[in-house]
Each structure stands twice: as C-alpha cells, then as structure tokens.
C-alpha cells in the first residue's frame, strides 16, 4: 500500500510546510461543510444529534 504521507509530500515537492498548510486548509473546508450540514439538518431531524470533532461541537464558536 502507498504511504499517504509520502504521497502528500511528493505533491508538494518535499516542502513539508506547504503540505501542512494544504492539509490545514482542507480540514477547515471540511469543518465548514459539516457546520453547514449540521445547520441544514436542524435539531428535530436527528433528535438533537450534533456533529462533534475532537474537543468541540461543529457550529459553536
């Protein structure tokens, strides 16, 4: 199996800082999509279920 960490570094020509920046930007985009999905579902749809990432609920702060 391919090592994903190596593949990410190769996509950024070995520049670890740029690879990290890209991963952080992608994480932020996914969190934003989860926030919108959580709002769209409303509280009644899933009986109060809320998306949770480590240490925080999506849609708070």
N, C-alpha and C. Protein backbone atom coordinates (compact mmCIF):
# COMPACT_ATOMS: atom_id res chain seq x y z
N UNK A 1 0.83 -1.21 0.00
CA UNK A 1 0.00 0.00 0.00
C UNK A 1 0.86 1.27 0.00
N UNK A 2 0.33 2.27 -0.64
CA UNK A 2 1.06 3.54 -0.75
C UNK A 2 1.01 4.31 0.56
N UNK A 3 2.12 4.90 0.95
CA UNK A 3 2.19 5.72 2.16
C UNK A 3 1.63 7.10 1.81
N UNK A 4 0.48 7.43 2.38
CA UNK A 4 -0.18 8.70 2.06
C UNK A 4 0.66 9.91 2.46
N UNK A 5 1.38 9.82 3.56
CA UNK A 5 2.21 10.95 3.99
C UNK A 5 3.29 11.23 2.96
N UNK A 6 3.90 10.18 2.43
CA UNK A 6 4.94 10.35 1.41
C UNK A 6 4.32 10.94 0.14
N UNK A 7 3.13 10.46 -0.22
CA UNK A 7 2.46 10.98 -1.42
C UNK A 7 2.15 12.46 -1.28
N UNK A 8 1.70 12.88 -0.10
CA UNK A 8 1.40 14.31 0.13
C UNK A 8 2.66 15.15 0.01
N UNK A 9 3.74 14.66 0.60
CA UNK A 9 5.00 15.40 0.49
C UNK A 9 5.46 15.48 -0.97
N UNK A 10 5.31 14.41 -1.70
CA UNK A 10 5.70 14.41 -3.11
C UNK A 10 4.88 15.41 -3.91
N UNK A 11 3.59 15.54 -3.59
CA UNK A 11 2.73 16.51 -4.29
C UNK A 11 3.20 17.94 -4.05
N UNK A 12 3.92 18.13 -2.96
CA UNK A 12 4.41 19.48 -2.62
C UNK A 12 5.92 19.58 -2.79
N UNK A 13 6.47 18.70 -3.64
CA UNK A 13 7.91 18.69 -3.95
C UNK A 13 8.77 18.63 -2.69
N UNK A 14 8.31 17.90 -1.68
CA UNK A 14 9.08 17.73 -0.45
C UNK A 14 8.97 18.88 0.53
N UNK A 15 8.18 19.88 0.22
CA UNK A 15 8.03 21.05 1.10
C UNK A 15 7.00 20.71 2.18
N UNK A 16 7.50 20.34 3.35
CA UNK A 16 6.62 19.91 4.45
C UNK A 16 5.71 21.04 4.92
N UNK A 17 6.23 22.26 4.95
CA UNK A 17 5.42 23.39 5.41
C UNK A 17 4.22 23.62 4.49
N UNK A 18 4.43 23.55 3.19
CA UNK A 18 3.33 23.72 2.25
C UNK A 18 2.34 22.55 2.35
N UNK A 19 2.84 21.36 2.58
CA UNK A 19 1.96 20.20 2.74
C UNK A 19 1.08 20.38 3.96
N UNK A 20 1.64 20.84 5.05
CA UNK A 20 0.87 21.07 6.26
C UNK A 20 -0.17 22.16 6.04
N UNK A 21 0.22 23.23 5.37
CA UNK A 21 -0.73 24.31 5.08
C UNK A 21 -1.91 23.80 4.25
N UNK A 22 -1.63 22.96 3.27
CA UNK A 22 -2.69 22.40 2.44
C UNK A 22 -3.62 21.53 3.27
N UNK A 23 -3.06 20.67 4.12
CA UNK A 23 -3.88 19.80 4.96
C UNK A 23 -4.75 20.60 5.92
N UNK A 24 -4.20 21.66 6.48
CA UNK A 24 -4.98 22.51 7.39
C UNK A 24 -6.11 23.22 6.65
N UNK A 25 -5.84 23.68 5.45
CA UNK A 25 -6.88 24.33 4.65
C UNK A 25 -7.99 23.34 4.30
N UNK A 26 -7.62 22.12 3.96
CA UNK A 26 -8.62 21.10 3.65
C UNK A 26 -9.43 20.75 4.89
N UNK A 27 -8.79 20.68 6.05
CA UNK A 27 -9.51 20.42 7.30
C UNK A 27 -10.52 21.51 7.58
N UNK A 28 -10.11 22.76 7.39
CA UNK A 28 -11.01 23.88 7.61
C UNK A 28 -12.22 23.82 6.67
N UNK A 29 -11.98 23.43 5.42
CA UNK A 29 -13.07 23.33 4.45
C UNK A 29 -14.06 22.24 4.85
N UNK A 30 -13.55 21.12 5.33
CA UNK A 30 -14.43 20.02 5.77
C UNK A 30 -15.23 20.45 6.99
N UNK A 31 -14.58 21.13 7.95
CA UNK A 31 -15.30 21.61 9.13
C UNK A 31 -16.41 22.57 8.73
N UNK A 32 -16.16 23.43 7.75
CA UNK A 32 -17.18 24.38 7.31
C UNK A 32 -18.37 23.63 6.68
N UNK A 33 -18.08 22.62 5.88
CA UNK A 33 -19.16 21.84 5.26
C UNK A 33 -19.97 21.10 6.33
N UNK A 34 -19.30 20.58 7.35
CA UNK A 34 -20.01 19.92 8.44
C UNK A 34 -20.88 20.91 9.21
N UNK A 35 -20.38 22.12 9.39
CA UNK A 35 -21.14 23.16 10.07
C UNK A 35 -22.43 23.46 9.31
N UNK A 36 -22.31 23.61 7.99
CA UNK A 36 -23.49 23.89 7.16
C UNK A 36 -24.46 22.71 7.18
N UNK A 37 -23.93 21.50 7.11
CA UNK A 37 -24.79 20.31 7.13
C UNK A 37 -25.53 20.22 8.46
N UNK A 38 -24.84 20.53 9.53
CA UNK A 38 -25.44 20.49 10.86
C UNK A 38 -26.57 21.50 10.98
N UNK A 39 -26.38 22.68 10.44
CA UNK A 39 -27.41 23.72 10.46
C UNK A 39 -28.59 23.29 9.59
N UNK A 40 -28.29 22.72 8.41
CA UNK A 40 -29.35 22.32 7.49
C UNK A 40 -30.22 21.21 8.06
N UNK A 41 -29.63 20.32 8.83
CA UNK A 41 -30.39 19.21 9.40
C UNK A 41 -31.39 19.69 10.43
N UNK A 42 -31.07 20.73 11.14
CA UNK A 42 -31.96 21.20 12.19
C UNK A 42 -31.92 20.28 13.40
N UNK A 43 -32.46 20.73 14.49
CA UNK A 43 -32.39 19.95 15.72
C UNK A 43 -33.39 18.80 15.75
N UNK A 44 -34.53 18.94 15.11
CA UNK A 44 -35.54 17.89 15.17
C UNK A 44 -35.25 16.70 14.28
N UNK A 45 -34.50 16.90 13.21
CA UNK A 45 -34.24 15.85 12.24
C UNK A 45 -33.56 14.64 12.86
N UNK A 46 -32.57 14.88 13.70
CA UNK A 46 -31.81 13.78 14.30
C UNK A 46 -31.95 13.77 15.82
N UNK A 47 -33.04 14.31 16.31
CA UNK A 47 -33.33 14.34 17.74
C UNK A 47 -32.19 14.94 18.57
N UNK A 48 -31.71 16.06 18.12
CA UNK A 48 -30.70 16.78 18.88
C UNK A 48 -29.27 16.36 18.62
N UNK A 49 -29.05 15.40 17.72
CA UNK A 49 -27.68 14.99 17.41
C UNK A 49 -26.91 16.16 16.85
N UNK A 50 -25.67 16.31 17.26
CA UNK A 50 -24.81 17.36 16.74
C UNK A 50 -23.47 16.77 16.34
N UNK A 51 -22.93 17.24 15.23
CA UNK A 51 -21.62 16.79 14.78
C UNK A 51 -20.58 17.24 15.78
N UNK A 52 -19.68 16.35 16.13
CA UNK A 52 -18.64 16.69 17.09
C UNK A 52 -17.28 16.28 16.56
N UNK A 53 -16.35 17.21 16.60
CA UNK A 53 -14.96 16.93 16.32
C UNK A 53 -14.23 16.93 17.65
N UNK A 54 -13.04 16.37 17.69
CA UNK A 54 -12.32 16.33 18.97
C UNK A 54 -12.27 17.69 19.65
N UNK A 55 -12.87 17.77 20.82
CA UNK A 55 -12.81 18.98 21.63
C UNK A 55 -13.85 20.05 21.35
N UNK A 56 -14.70 19.88 20.33
CA UNK A 56 -15.69 20.93 20.07
C UNK A 56 -16.84 20.40 19.25
N UNK A 57 -17.97 21.06 19.39
CA UNK A 57 -19.13 20.78 18.56
C UNK A 57 -19.06 21.66 17.34
N UNK A 58 -19.41 21.13 16.19
CA UNK A 58 -19.48 21.92 14.97
C UNK A 58 -20.60 22.94 15.13
N UNK A 59 -20.33 24.17 14.73
CA UNK A 59 -21.36 25.20 14.80
C UNK A 59 -21.23 26.07 16.05
N UNK A 60 -20.33 25.72 16.96
CA UNK A 60 -20.10 26.54 18.15
C UNK A 60 -18.82 27.34 17.94
N UNK A 61 -18.89 28.61 18.27
CA UNK A 61 -17.71 29.44 18.26
C UNK A 61 -16.94 29.41 17.06
